[in-house]
PDB file of N, CA and C in Angstrom:
ATOM      1  N   UNK A   1     -95.210  43.316 157.862  1.00  0.00           N
ATOM      2  CA  UNK A   1     -96.362  43.081 158.707  1.00  0.00           C
ATOM      3  C   UNK A   1     -96.963  44.415 159.114  1.00  0.00           C
ATOM      4  N   UNK A   2     -98.279  44.470 159.063  1.00  0.00           N
ATOM      5  CA  UNK A   2     -99.006  45.648 159.538  1.00  0.00           C
ATOM      6  C   UNK A   2     -99.590  45.299 160.900  1.00  0.00           C
ATOM      7  N   UNK A   3     -99.026  45.851 161.961  1.00  0.00           N
ATOM      8  CA  UNK A   3     -99.464  45.516 163.322  1.00  0.00           C
ATOM      9  C   UNK A   3    -100.781  46.210 163.648  1.00  0.00           C
ATOM     10  N   UNK A   4    -101.672  45.455 164.284  1.00  0.00           N
ATOM     11  CA  UNK A   4    -102.964  45.970 164.724  1.00  0.00           C
ATOM     12  C   UNK A   4    -103.135  45.869 166.233  1.00  0.00           C
ATOM     13  N   UNK A   5    -102.283  45.079 166.889  1.00  0.00           N
ATOM     14  CA  UNK A   5    -102.412  44.873 168.329  1.00  0.00           C
ATOM     15  C   UNK A   5    -101.025  44.677 168.937  1.00  0.00           C
ATOM     16  N   UNK A   6    -100.853  45.180 170.162  1.00  0.00           N
ATOM     17  CA  UNK A   6     -99.608  45.027 170.915  1.00  0.00           C
ATOM     18  C   UNK A   6     -99.932  44.547 172.319  1.00  0.00           C
ATOM     19  N   UNK A   7     -99.023  43.751 172.885  1.00  0.00           N
ATOM     20  CA  UNK A   7     -99.190  43.290 174.265  1.00  0.00           C
ATOM     21  C   UNK A   7     -97.813  43.000 174.848  1.00  0.00           C
ATOM     22  N   UNK A   8     -97.739  43.010 176.172  1.00  0.00           N
ATOM     23  CA  UNK A   8     -96.534  42.593 176.886  1.00  0.00           C
ATOM     24  C   UNK A   8     -96.785  41.238 177.513  1.00  0.00           C
ATOM     25  N   UNK A   9     -95.791  40.349 177.445  1.00  0.00           N
ATOM     26  CA  UNK A   9     -95.950  39.063 178.128  1.00  0.00           C
ATOM     27  C   UNK A   9     -95.361  39.165 179.538  1.00  0.00           C
ATOM     28  N   UNK A  10     -95.371  38.062 180.262  1.00  0.00           N
ATOM     29  CA  UNK A  10     -94.940  38.050 181.656  1.00  0.00           C
ATOM     30  C   UNK A  10     -93.449  38.350 181.816  1.00  0.00           C
ATOM     31  N   UNK A  11     -92.691  38.207 180.730  1.00  0.00           N
ATOM     32  CA  UNK A  11     -91.244  38.481 180.778  1.00  0.00           C
ATOM     33  C   UNK A  11     -90.909  39.844 180.162  1.00  0.00           C
ATOM     34  N   UNK A  12     -91.915  40.707 180.037  1.00  0.00           N
ATOM     35  CA  UNK A  12     -91.760  42.051 179.465  1.00  0.00           C
ATOM     36  C   UNK A  12     -91.298  42.046 178.014  1.00  0.00           C
ATOM     37  N   UNK A  13     -91.634  40.983 177.275  1.00  0.00           N
ATOM     38  CA  UNK A  13     -91.374  40.965 175.845  1.00  0.00           C
ATOM     39  C   UNK A  13     -92.592  41.575 175.147  1.00  0.00           C
ATOM     40  N   UNK A  14     -92.356  42.259 174.065  1.00  0.00           N
ATOM     41  CA  UNK A  14     -93.424  42.909 173.308  1.00  0.00           C
ATOM     42  C   UNK A  14     -93.901  41.956 172.221  1.00  0.00           C
ATOM     43  N   UNK A  15     -95.200  41.736 172.156  1.00  0.00           N
ATOM     44  CA  UNK A  15     -95.792  40.906 171.118  1.00  0.00           C
ATOM     45  C   UNK A  15     -96.633  41.817 170.230  1.00  0.00           C
ATOM     46  N   UNK A  16     -96.383  41.760 168.933  1.00  0.00           N
ATOM     47  CA  UNK A  16     -97.154  42.525 167.954  1.00  0.00           C
ATOM     48  C   UNK A  16     -97.914  41.538 167.074  1.00  0.00           C
ATOM     49  N   UNK A  17     -99.140  41.889 166.715  1.00  0.00           N
ATOM     50  CA  UNK A  17     -99.952  41.017 165.863  1.00  0.00           C
ATOM     51  C   UNK A  17    -100.688  41.863 164.838  1.00  0.00           C
ATOM     52  N   UNK A  18    -100.907  41.284 163.669  1.00  0.00           N
ATOM     53  CA  UNK A  18    -101.628  41.974 162.604  1.00  0.00           C
ATOM     54  C   UNK A  18    -101.762  41.071 161.407  1.00  0.00           C
ATOM     55  N   UNK A  19    -101.410  41.584 160.241  1.00  0.00           N
ATOM     56  CA  UNK A  19    -101.508  40.779 159.029  1.00  0.00           C
ATOM     57  C   UNK A  19    -100.273  40.987 158.164  1.00  0.00           C
ATOM     58  N   UNK A  20     -99.997  39.983 157.335  1.00  0.00           N
ATOM     59  CA  UNK A  20     -98.881  40.044 156.391  1.00  0.00           C
ATOM     60  C   UNK A  20     -99.400  39.653 155.020  1.00  0.00           C
ATOM     61  N   UNK A  21     -98.842  40.240 153.996  1.00  0.00           N
ATOM     62  CA  UNK A  21     -99.202  39.915 152.622  1.00  0.00           C
ATOM     63  C   UNK A  21     -98.315  38.765 152.168  1.00  0.00           C
ATOM     64  N   UNK A  22     -98.927  37.647 151.811  1.00  0.00           N
ATOM     65  CA  UNK A  22     -98.168  36.469 151.410  1.00  0.00           C
ATOM     66  C   UNK A  22     -98.007  36.361 149.901  1.00  0.00           C
ATOM     67  N   UNK A  23     -98.287  37.403 149.144  1.00  0.00           N
ATOM     68  CA  UNK A  23     -98.230  37.339 147.683  1.00  0.00           C
ATOM     69  C   UNK A  23     -96.825  37.064 147.170  1.00  0.00           C
ATOM     70  N   UNK A  24     -95.818  37.417 147.958  1.00  0.00           N
ATOM     71  CA  UNK A  24     -94.443  37.211 147.514  1.00  0.00           C
ATOM     72  C   UNK A  24     -94.060  35.741 147.477  1.00  0.00           C
ATOM     73  N   UNK A  25     -94.856  34.868 148.067  1.00  0.00           N
ATOM     74  CA  UNK A  25     -94.477  33.462 148.179  1.00  0.00           C
ATOM     75  C   UNK A  25     -94.690  32.675 146.905  1.00  0.00           C
ATOM     76  N   UNK A  26     -95.713  33.008 146.139  1.00  0.00           N
ATOM     77  CA  UNK A  26     -96.024  32.216 144.959  1.00  0.00           C
ATOM     78  C   UNK A  26     -96.357  33.150 143.795  1.00  0.00           C
ATOM     79  N   UNK A  27     -95.449  33.256 142.870  1.00  0.00           N
ATOM     80  CA  UNK A  27     -95.668  34.109 141.712  1.00  0.00           C
ATOM     81  C   UNK A  27     -96.831  33.542 140.898  1.00  0.00           C
ATOM     82  N   UNK A  28     -97.714  34.406 140.479  1.00  0.00           N
ATOM     83  CA  UNK A  28     -98.855  33.964 139.681  1.00  0.00           C
ATOM     84  C   UNK A  28    -100.087  33.649 140.497  1.00  0.00           C
ATOM     85  N   UNK A  29     -99.966  33.591 141.805  1.00  0.00           N
ATOM     86  CA  UNK A  29    -101.124  33.347 142.671  1.00  0.00           C
ATOM     87  C   UNK A  29    -101.613  34.686 143.207  1.00  0.00           C
ATOM     88  N   UNK A  30    -102.912  34.793 143.477  1.00  0.00           N
ATOM     89  CA  UNK A  30    -103.412  36.069 144.003  1.00  0.00           C
ATOM     90  C   UNK A  30    -102.845  36.359 145.392  1.00  0.00           C
ATOM     91  N   UNK A  31    -102.741  37.641 145.688  1.00  0.00           N
ATOM     92  CA  UNK A  31    -102.246  38.041 147.007  1.00  0.00           C
ATOM     93  C   UNK A  31    -103.198  37.545 148.075  1.00  0.00           C
ATOM     94  N   UNK A  32    -102.656  37.132 149.186  1.00  0.00           N
ATOM     95  CA  UNK A  32    -103.506  36.731 150.298  1.00  0.00           C
ATOM     96  C   UNK A  32    -102.922  37.277 151.590  1.00  0.00           C
ATOM     97  N   UNK A  33    -103.822  37.705 152.464  1.00  0.00           N
ATOM     98  CA  UNK A  33    -103.405  38.182 153.771  1.00  0.00           C
ATOM     99  C   UNK A  33    -103.450  37.031 154.751  1.00  0.00           C
ATOM    100  N   UNK A  34    -102.573  37.073 155.716  1.00  0.00           N
ATOM    101  CA  UNK A  34    -102.530  36.034 156.739  1.00  0.00           C
ATOM    102  C   UNK A  34    -102.189  36.675 158.078  1.00  0.00           C
ATOM    103  N   UNK A  35    -102.644  36.055 159.172  1.00  0.00           N
ATOM    104  CA  UNK A  35    -102.273  36.554 160.494  1.00  0.00           C
ATOM    105  C   UNK A  35    -100.757  36.501 160.670  1.00  0.00           C
ATOM    106  N   UNK A  36    -100.216  37.523 161.308  1.00  0.00           N
ATOM    107  CA  UNK A  36     -98.773  37.578 161.521  1.00  0.00           C
ATOM    108  C   UNK A  36     -98.490  38.087 162.930  1.00  0.00           C
ATOM    109  N   UNK A  37     -97.402  37.590 163.500  1.00  0.00           N
ATOM    110  CA  UNK A  37     -96.993  37.945 164.858  1.00  0.00           C
ATOM    111  C   UNK A  37     -95.494  38.204 164.868  1.00  0.00           C
ATOM    112  N   UNK A  38     -95.049  39.048 165.767  1.00  0.00           N
ATOM    113  CA  UNK A  38     -93.623  39.250 166.018  1.00  0.00           C
ATOM    114  C   UNK A  38     -93.463  39.430 167.524  1.00  0.00           C
ATOM    115  N   UNK A  39     -92.340  38.932 168.052  1.00  0.00           N
ATOM    116  CA  UNK A  39     -92.078  39.129 169.478  1.00  0.00           C
ATOM    117  C   UNK A  39     -90.681  39.703 169.629  1.00  0.00           C
ATOM    118  N   UNK A  40     -90.600  40.733 170.483  1.00  0.00           N
ATOM    119  CA  UNK A  40     -89.356  41.446 170.722  1.00  0.00           C
ATOM    120  C   UNK A  40     -88.961  41.296 172.178  1.00  0.00           C
ATOM    121  N   UNK A  41     -87.652  41.194 172.433  1.00  0.00           N
ATOM    122  CA  UNK A  41     -87.193  41.145 173.818  1.00  0.00           C
ATOM    123  C   UNK A  41     -87.317  42.535 174.432  1.00  0.00           C
ATOM    124  N   UNK A  42     -87.001  42.650 175.709  1.00  0.00           N
ATOM    125  CA  UNK A  42     -87.169  43.931 176.402  1.00  0.00           C
ATOM    126  C   UNK A  42     -86.244  45.020 175.856  1.00  0.00           C
ATOM    127  N   UNK A  43     -85.231  44.630 175.086  1.00  0.00           N
ATOM    128  CA  UNK A  43     -84.333  45.597 174.462  1.00  0.00           C
ATOM    129  C   UNK A  43     -84.789  46.025 173.073  1.00  0.00           C
ATOM    130  N   UNK A  44     -85.919  45.471 172.598  1.00  0.00           N
ATOM    131  CA  UNK A  44     -86.449  45.843 171.290  1.00  0.00           C
ATOM    132  C   UNK A  44     -85.941  45.014 170.126  1.00  0.00           C
ATOM    133  N   UNK A  45     -85.182  43.937 170.420  1.00  0.00           N
ATOM    134  CA  UNK A  45     -84.668  43.055 169.373  1.00  0.00           C
ATOM    135  C   UNK A  45     -85.634  41.907 169.142  1.00  0.00           C
ATOM    136  N   UNK A  46     -85.738  41.429 167.892  1.00  0.00           N
ATOM    137  CA  UNK A  46     -86.576  40.272 167.626  1.00  0.00           C
ATOM    138  C   UNK A  46     -86.129  39.102 168.500  1.00  0.00           C
ATOM    139  N   UNK A  47     -87.083  38.405 169.078  1.00  0.00           N
ATOM    140  CA  UNK A  47     -86.828  37.264 169.958  1.00  0.00           C
ATOM    141  C   UNK A  47     -86.714  36.009 169.093  1.00  0.00           C
ATOM    142  N   UNK A  48     -85.498  35.528 168.893  1.00  0.00           N
ATOM    143  CA  UNK A  48     -85.260  34.394 168.006  1.00  0.00           C
ATOM    144  C   UNK A  48     -85.774  33.066 168.553  1.00  0.00           C
ATOM    145  N   UNK A  49     -86.279  33.052 169.784  1.00  0.00           N
ATOM    146  CA  UNK A  49     -86.902  31.852 170.343  1.00  0.00           C
ATOM    147  C   UNK A  49     -88.383  31.766 170.008  1.00  0.00           C
ATOM    148  N   UNK A  50     -88.866  32.701 169.201  1.00  0.00           N
ATOM    149  CA  UNK A  50     -90.280  32.766 168.826  1.00  0.00           C
ATOM    150  C   UNK A  50     -90.396  32.619 167.318  1.00  0.00           C
ATOM    151  N   UNK A  51     -91.130  31.593 166.876  1.00  0.00           N
ATOM    152  CA  UNK A  51     -91.339  31.386 165.442  1.00  0.00           C
ATOM    153  C   UNK A  51     -90.039  31.242 164.690  1.00  0.00           C
ATOM    154  N   UNK A  52     -90.001  31.858 163.513  1.00  0.00           N
ATOM    155  CA  UNK A  52     -88.790  31.841 162.688  1.00  0.00           C
ATOM    156  C   UNK A  52     -88.109  33.191 162.848  1.00  0.00           C
ATOM    157  N   UNK A  53     -87.045  33.204 163.605  1.00  0.00           N
ATOM    158  CA  UNK A  53     -86.270  34.428 163.840  1.00  0.00           C
ATOM    159  C   UNK A  53     -87.095  35.559 164.429  1.00  0.00           C
ATOM    160  N   UNK A  54     -88.091  35.224 165.265  1.00  0.00           N
ATOM    161  CA  UNK A  54     -88.868  36.239 165.963  1.00  0.00           C
ATOM    162  C   UNK A  54     -90.211  36.559 165.346  1.00  0.00           C
ATOM    163  N   UNK A  55     -90.534  35.938 164.209  1.00  0.00           N
ATOM    164  CA  UNK A  55     -91.811  36.219 163.557  1.00  0.00           C
ATOM    165  C   UNK A  55     -92.562  34.932 163.221  1.00  0.00           C
ATOM    166  N   UNK A  56     -93.886  35.065 163.133  1.00  0.00           N
ATOM    167  CA  UNK A  56     -94.758  33.949 162.753  1.00  0.00           C
ATOM    168  C   UNK A  56     -95.769  34.480 161.751  1.00  0.00           C
ATOM    169  N   UNK A  57     -95.889  33.804 160.613  1.00  0.00           N
ATOM    170  CA  UNK A  57     -96.946  34.093 159.639  1.00  0.00           C
ATOM    171  C   UNK A  57     -97.756  32.818 159.497  1.00  0.00           C
ATOM    172  N   UNK A  58     -99.038  32.898 159.810  1.00  0.00           N
ATOM    173  CA  UNK A  58     -99.892  31.720 159.760  1.00  0.00           C
ATOM    174  C   UNK A  58    -100.537  31.598 158.391  1.00  0.00           C
ATOM    175  N   UNK A  59    -100.256  30.525 157.714  1.00  0.00           N
ATOM    176  CA  UNK A  59    -100.900  30.267 156.439  1.00  0.00           C
ATOM    177  C   UNK A  59    -102.133  29.430 156.720  1.00  0.00           C
ATOM    178  N   UNK A  60    -103.272  30.088 156.787  1.00  0.00           N
ATOM    179  CA  UNK A  60    -104.523  29.430 157.170  1.00  0.00           C
ATOM    180  C   UNK A  60    -105.462  29.277 155.983  1.00  0.00           C
ATOM    181  N   UNK A  61    -104.917  29.150 154.784  1.00  0.00           N
ATOM    182  CA  UNK A  61    -105.700  28.967 153.561  1.00  0.00           C
ATOM    183  C   UNK A  61    -106.734  30.070 153.383  1.00  0.00           C
ATOM    184  N   UNK A  62    -106.376  31.264 153.775  1.00  0.00           N
ATOM    185  CA  UNK A  62    -107.277  32.395 153.595  1.00  0.00           C
ATOM    186  C   UNK A  62    -108.361  32.495 154.633  1.00  0.00           C
ATOM    187  N   UNK A  63    -108.354  31.611 155.641  1.00  0.00           N
ATOM    188  CA  UNK A  63    -109.424  31.615 156.638  1.00  0.00           C
ATOM    189  C   UNK A  63    -109.388  32.877 157.486  1.00  0.00           C
ATOM    190  N   UNK A  64    -108.331  33.092 158.211  1.00  0.00           N
ATOM    191  CA  UNK A  64    -108.191  34.310 159.015  1.00  0.00           C
ATOM    192  C   UNK A  64    -107.298  35.255 158.227  1.00  0.00           C
ATOM    193  N   UNK A  65    -107.751  36.464 157.989  1.00  0.00           N
ATOM    194  CA  UNK A  65    -106.977  37.370 157.152  1.00  0.00           C
ATOM    195  C   UNK A  65    -106.206  38.420 157.938  1.00  0.00           C
ATOM    196  N   UNK A  66    -106.451  38.521 159.207  1.00  0.00           N
ATOM    197  CA  UNK A  66    -105.693  39.476 160.003  1.00  0.00           C
ATOM    198  C   UNK A  66    -106.146  39.471 161.442  1.00  0.00           C
ATOM    199  N   UNK A  67    -105.275  39.871 162.317  1.00  0.00           N
ATOM    200  CA  UNK A  67    -105.569  39.911 163.749  1.00  0.00           C
ATOM    201  C   UNK A  67    -106.070  41.301 164.111  1.00  0.00           C
ATOM    202  N   UNK A  68    -107.151  41.340 164.870  1.00  0.00           N
ATOM    203  CA  UNK A  68    -107.736  42.614 165.323  1.00  0.00           C
ATOM    204  C   UNK A  68    -107.434  42.896 166.786  1.00  0.00           C
ATOM    205  N   UNK A  69    -107.362  41.843 167.598  1.00  0.00           N
ATOM    206  CA  UNK A  69    -107.126  42.006 169.036  1.00  0.00           C
ATOM    207  C   UNK A  69    -106.361  40.796 169.549  1.00  0.00           C
ATOM    208  N   UNK A  70    -105.641  40.995 170.647  1.00  0.00           N
ATOM    209  CA  UNK A  70    -104.797  39.934 171.173  1.00  0.00           C
ATOM    210  C   UNK A  70    -104.582  40.147 172.661  1.00  0.00           C
ATOM    211  N   UNK A  71    -104.356  39.049 173.361  1.00  0.00           N
ATOM    212  CA  UNK A  71    -103.937  39.109 174.756  1.00  0.00           C
ATOM    213  C   UNK A  71    -102.902  38.022 174.981  1.00  0.00           C
ATOM    214  N   UNK A  72    -102.075  38.202 175.987  1.00  0.00           N
ATOM    215  CA  UNK A  72    -101.089  37.191 176.371  1.00  0.00           C
ATOM    216  C   UNK A  72    -101.489  36.673 177.739  1.00  0.00           C
ATOM    217  N   UNK A  73    -101.647  35.356 177.833  1.00  0.00           N
ATOM    218  CA  UNK A  73    -102.014  34.719 179.100  1.00  0.00           C
ATOM    219  C   UNK A  73    -100.842  34.762 180.072  1.00  0.00           C
ATOM    220  N   UNK A  74    -101.086  34.527 181.359  1.00  0.00           N
ATOM    221  CA  UNK A  74     -99.994  34.508 182.340  1.00  0.00           C
ATOM    222  C   UNK A  74     -98.901  33.479 182.016  1.00  0.00           C
ATOM    223  N   UNK A  75     -99.251  32.401 181.268  1.00  0.00           N
ATOM    224  CA  UNK A  75     -98.255  31.397 180.890  1.00  0.00           C
ATOM    225  C   UNK A  75     -97.567  31.753 179.563  1.00  0.00           C
ATOM    226  N   UNK A  76     -97.783  32.976 179.080  1.00  0.00           N
ATOM    227  CA  UNK A  76     -97.191  33.525 177.857  1.00  0.00           C
ATOM    228  C   UNK A  76     -97.730  32.933 176.562  1.00  0.00           C
ATOM    229  N   UNK A  77     -98.814  32.162 176.620  1.00  0.00           N
ATOM    230  CA  UNK A  77     -99.482  31.748 175.384  1.00  0.00           C
ATOM    231  C   UNK A  77    -100.277  32.945 174.871  1.00  0.00           C
ATOM    232  N   UNK A  78    -100.372  33.053 173.567  1.00  0.00           N
ATOM    233  CA  UNK A  78    -101.004  34.196 172.924  1.00  0.00           C
ATOM    234  C   UNK A  78    -102.369  33.792 172.378  1.00  0.00           C
ATOM    235  N   UNK A  79    -103.386  34.569 172.701  1.00  0.00           N
ATOM    236  CA  UNK A  79    -104.722  34.369 172.140  1.00  0.00           C
ATOM    237  C   UNK A  79    -105.024  35.591 171.279  1.00  0.00           C
ATOM    238  N   UNK A  80    -105.420  35.338 170.038  1.00  0.00           N
ATOM    239  CA  UNK A  80    -105.707  36.435 169.124  1.00  0.00           C
ATOM    240  C   UNK A  80    -107.016  36.171 168.394  1.00  0.00           C
ATOM    241  N   UNK A  81    -107.721  37.237 168.065  1.00  0.00           N
ATOM    242  CA  UNK A  81    -108.948  37.133 167.277  1.00  0.00           C
ATOM    243  C   UNK A  81    -108.794  37.991 166.034  1.00  0.00           C
ATOM    244  N   UNK A  82    -109.482  37.566 164.975  1.00  0.00           N
ATOM    245  CA  UNK A  82    -109.381  38.297 163.718  1.00  0.00           C
ATOM    246  C   UNK A  82    -110.561  38.032 162.816  1.00  0.00           C
ATOM    247  N   UNK A  83    -110.457  38.544 161.593  1.00  0.00           N
ATOM    248  CA  UNK A  83    -111.515  38.399 160.606  1.00  0.00           C
ATOM    249  C   UNK A  83    -111.351  37.100 159.829  1.00  0.00           C
ATOM    250  N   UNK A  84    -112.476  36.421 159.589  1.00  0.00           N
ATOM    251  CA  UNK A  84    -112.483  35.174 158.828  1.00  0.00           C
ATOM    252  C   UNK A  84    -113.045  35.400 157.436  1.00  0.00           C
ATOM    253  N   UNK A  85    -112.553  34.631 156.504  1.00  0.00           N
ATOM    254  CA  UNK A  85    -113.135  34.543 155.165  1.00  0.00           C
ATOM    255  C   UNK A  85    -113.197  33.070 154.815  1.00  0.00           C
ATOM    256  N   UNK A  86    -114.276  32.426 155.216  1.00  0.00           N
ATOM    257  CA  UNK A  86    -114.457  31.007 154.953  1.00  0.00           C
ATOM    258  C   UNK A  86    -115.859  30.802 154.407  1.00  0.00           C
ATOM    259  N   UNK A  87    -115.971  30.255 153.220  1.00  0.00           N
ATOM    260  CA  UNK A  87    -117.283  29.999 152.632  1.00  0.00           C
ATOM    261  C   UNK A  87    -118.121  31.252 152.561  1.00  0.00           C
ATOM    262  N   UNK A  88    -119.325  31.183 153.094  1.00  0.00           N
ATOM    263  CA  UNK A  88    -120.243  32.318 153.084  1.00  0.00           C
ATOM    264  C   UNK A  88    -119.952  33.311 154.200  1.00  0.00           C
ATOM    265  N   UNK A  89    -119.015  32.997 155.053  1.00  0.00           N
ATOM    266  CA  UNK A  89    -118.715  33.845 156.209  1.00  0.00           C
ATOM    267  C   UNK A  89    -117.580  34.799 155.869  1.00  0.00           C
ATOM    268  N   UNK A  90    -117.916  35.925 155.253  1.00  0.00           N
ATOM    269  CA  UNK A  90    -116.895  36.896 154.881  1.00  0.00           C
ATOM    270  C   UNK A  90    -116.617  37.914 155.962  1.00  0.00           C
ATOM    271  N   UNK A  91    -117.446  37.972 156.999  1.00  0.00           N
ATOM    272  CA  UNK A  91    -117.248  38.968 158.037  1.00  0.00           C
ATOM    273  C   UNK A  91    -117.331  38.406 159.432  1.00  0.00           C
ATOM    274  N   UNK A  92    -117.074  37.135 159.575  1.00  0.00           N
ATOM    275  CA  UNK A  92    -117.120  36.483 160.892  1.00  0.00           C
ATOM    276  C   UNK A  92    -115.795  36.710 161.625  1.00  0.00           C
ATOM    277  N   UNK A  93    -115.763  36.303 162.868  1.00  0.00           N
ATOM    278  CA  UNK A  93    -114.538  36.382 163.662  1.00  0.00           C
ATOM    279  C   UNK A  93    -114.008  34.989 163.935  1.00  0.00           C
ATOM    280  N   UNK A  94    -112.710  34.885 164.121  1.00  0.00           N
ATOM    281  CA  UNK A  94    -112.084  33.614 164.448  1.00  0.00           C
ATOM    282  C   UNK A  94    -111.033  33.832 165.511  1.00  0.00           C
ATOM    283  N   UNK A  95    -110.659  32.777 166.197  1.00  0.00           N
ATOM    284  CA  UNK A  95    -109.659  32.871 167.259  1.00  0.00           C
ATOM    285  C   UNK A  95    -108.551  31.861 167.010  1.00  0.00           C
ATOM    286  N   UNK A  96    -107.369  32.206 167.468  1.00  0.00           N
ATOM    287  CA  UNK A  96    -106.218  31.330 167.351  1.00  0.00           C
ATOM    288  C   UNK A  96    -105.392  31.480 168.629  1.00  0.00           C
ATOM    289  N   UNK A  97    -104.728  30.414 169.029  1.00  0.00           N
ATOM    290  CA  UNK A  97    -103.841  30.502 170.187  1.00  0.00           C
ATOM    291  C   UNK A  97    -102.483  29.940 169.800  1.00  0.00           C
ATOM    292  N   UNK A  98    -101.444  30.668 170.198  1.00  0.00           N
ATOM    293  CA  UNK A  98    -100.067  30.255 169.929  1.00  0.00           C
ATOM    294  C   UNK A  98     -99.395  29.828 171.225  1.00  0.00           C
ATOM    295  N   UNK A  99     -98.534  28.826 171.109  1.00  0.00           N
ATOM    296  CA  UNK A  99     -97.692  28.422 172.231  1.00  0.00           C
ATOM    297  C   UNK A  99     -96.602  29.470 172.430  1.00  0.00           C
ATOM    298  N   UNK A 100     -95.856  29.350 173.497  1.00  0.00           N
ATOM    299  CA  UNK A 100     -94.832  30.349 173.818  1.00  0.00           C
ATOM    300  C   UNK A 100     -93.722  30.417 172.768  1.00  0.00           C
ATOM    301  N   UNK A 101     -93.535  29.356 171.985  1.00  0.00           N
ATOM    302  CA  UNK A 101     -92.499  29.368 170.947  1.00  0.00           C
ATOM    303  C   UNK A 101     -93.033  29.846 169.595  1.00  0.00           C
ATOM    304  N   UNK A 102     -94.329  30.218 169.533  1.00  0.00           N
ATOM    305  CA  UNK A 102     -94.920  30.712 168.299  1.00  0.00           C
ATOM    306  C   UNK A 102     -95.644  29.668 167.479  1.00  0.00           C
ATOM    307  N   UNK A 103     -95.582  28.403 167.894  1.00  0.00           N
ATOM    308  CA  UNK A 103     -96.305  27.360 167.162  1.00  0.00           C
ATOM    309  C   UNK A 103     -97.787  27.417 167.516  1.00  0.00           C
ATOM    310  N   UNK A 104     -98.634  26.914 166.610  1.00  0.00           N
ATOM    311  CA  UNK A 104    -100.069  26.874 166.869  1.00  0.00           C
ATOM    312  C   UNK A 104    -100.372  25.926 168.018  1.00  0.00           C
ATOM    313  N   UNK A 105    -101.222  26.344 168.924  1.00  0.00           N
ATOM    314  CA  UNK A 105    -101.685  25.486 170.010  1.00  0.00           C
ATOM    315  C   UNK A 105    -102.938  24.780 169.516  1.00  0.00           C
ATOM    316  N   UNK A 106    -102.744  23.714 168.758  1.00  0.00           N
ATOM    317  CA  UNK A 106    -103.870  23.001 168.157  1.00  0.00           C
ATOM    318  C   UNK A 106    -104.732  22.315 169.195  1.00  0.00           C
ATOM    319  N   UNK A 107    -104.179  21.999 170.357  1.00  0.00           N
ATOM    320  CA  UNK A 107    -104.973  21.369 171.412  1.00  0.00           C
ATOM    321  C   UNK A 107    -106.090  22.281 171.898  1.00  0.00           C
ATOM    322  N   UNK A 108    -105.877  23.580 171.834  1.00  0.00           N
ATOM    323  CA  UNK A 108    -106.893  24.514 172.322  1.00  0.00           C
ATOM    324  C   UNK A 108    -108.065  24.646 171.363  1.00  0.00           C
ATOM    325  N   UNK A 109    -107.883  24.273 170.107  1.00  0.00           N
ATOM    326  CA  UNK A 109    -108.921  24.438 169.103  1.00  0.00           C
ATOM    327  C   UNK A 109    -109.515  23.112 168.644  1.00  0.00           C
ATOM    328  N   UNK A 110    -109.068  22.018 169.219  1.00  0.00           N
ATOM    329  CA  UNK A 110    -109.513  20.704 168.770  1.00  0.00           C
ATOM    330  C   UNK A 110    -108.401  20.046 167.989  1.00  0.00           C
ATOM    331  N   UNK A 111    -108.447  18.761 167.866  1.00  0.00           N
ATOM    332  CA  UNK A 111    -107.333  17.997 167.295  1.00  0.00           C
ATOM    333  C   UNK A 111    -107.027  18.354 165.851  1.00  0.00           C
ATOM    334  N   UNK A 112    -108.027  18.796 165.082  1.00  0.00           N
ATOM    335  CA  UNK A 112    -107.773  19.016 163.663  1.00  0.00           C
ATOM    336  C   UNK A 112    -107.900  20.473 163.255  1.00  0.00           C
ATOM    337  N   UNK A 113    -108.141  21.371 164.195  1.00  0.00           N
ATOM    338  CA  UNK A 113    -108.341  22.767 163.839  1.00  0.00           C
ATOM    339  C   UNK A 113    -107.230  23.647 164.381  1.00  0.00           C
ATOM    340  N   UNK A 114    -106.833  24.626 163.579  1.00  0.00           N
ATOM    341  CA  UNK A 114    -105.895  25.628 164.057  1.00  0.00           C
ATOM    342  C   UNK A 114    -106.604  26.938 164.276  1.00  0.00           C
ATOM    343  N   UNK A 115    -107.765  27.096 163.657  1.00  0.00           N
ATOM    344  CA  UNK A 115    -108.544  28.319 163.759  1.00  0.00           C
ATOM    345  C   UNK A 115    -109.963  27.949 164.139  1.00  0.00           C
ATOM    346  N   UNK A 116    -110.508  28.598 165.139  1.00  0.00           N
ATOM    347  CA  UNK A 116    -111.861  28.296 165.586  1.00  0.00           C
ATOM    348  C   UNK A 116    -112.766  29.496 165.332  1.00  0.00           C
ATOM    349  N   UNK A 117    -113.942  29.281 164.680  1.00  0.00           N
ATOM    350  CA  UNK A 117    -114.874  30.400 164.487  1.00  0.00           C
ATOM    351  C   UNK A 117    -115.468  30.865 165.800  1.00  0.00           C
ATOM    352  N   UNK A 118    -115.752  32.166 165.876  1.00  0.00           N
ATOM    353  CA  UNK A 118    -116.371  32.755 167.061  1.00  0.00           C
ATOM    354  C   UNK A 118    -117.600  33.508 166.587  1.00  0.00           C
ATOM    355  N   UNK A 119    -118.717  32.833 166.445  1.00  0.00           N
ATOM    356  CA  UNK A 119    -119.939  33.489 165.968  1.00  0.00           C
ATOM    357  C   UNK A 119    -119.940  33.629 164.470  1.00  0.00           C
ATOM    358  N   UNK A 120    -120.904  34.324 163.939  1.00  0.00           N
ATOM    359  CA  UNK A 120    -120.982  34.521 162.490  1.00  0.00           C
ATOM    360  C   UNK A 120    -122.266  35.179 162.104  1.00  0.00           C
ATOM    361  N   UNK A 121    -122.457  35.255 160.812  1.00  0.00           N
ATOM    362  CA  UNK A 121    -123.668  35.864 160.268  1.00  0.00           C
ATOM    363  C   UNK A 121    -124.663  34.811 159.893  1.00  0.00           C
TER     364      UNK A 121
END
């Protein structure tokens, strides 16, 4: 993962966000970038209560390719924004929110969306 943003949550855990290359997942498919997150406890160890062993890679079908900025709410939910590549929108921004365990907070984006566009060209 290439981290682009760091934040501390209310429990002094470090949250890192950026992008990960998912090309290793499917041989013969083109490389694709995806938003990625990691959370560390106050001792610097991966927090195994977050995502899969402390990390989250969002497979958003190429929609969001990386996180540019992030904040952690007082309830420890994570809000992140990044670059979108959807249809004709190659340079738009999108937002995503994660629950405290690293799962997508789909309620915040609507019942069927995990990624919400924020403006565009």
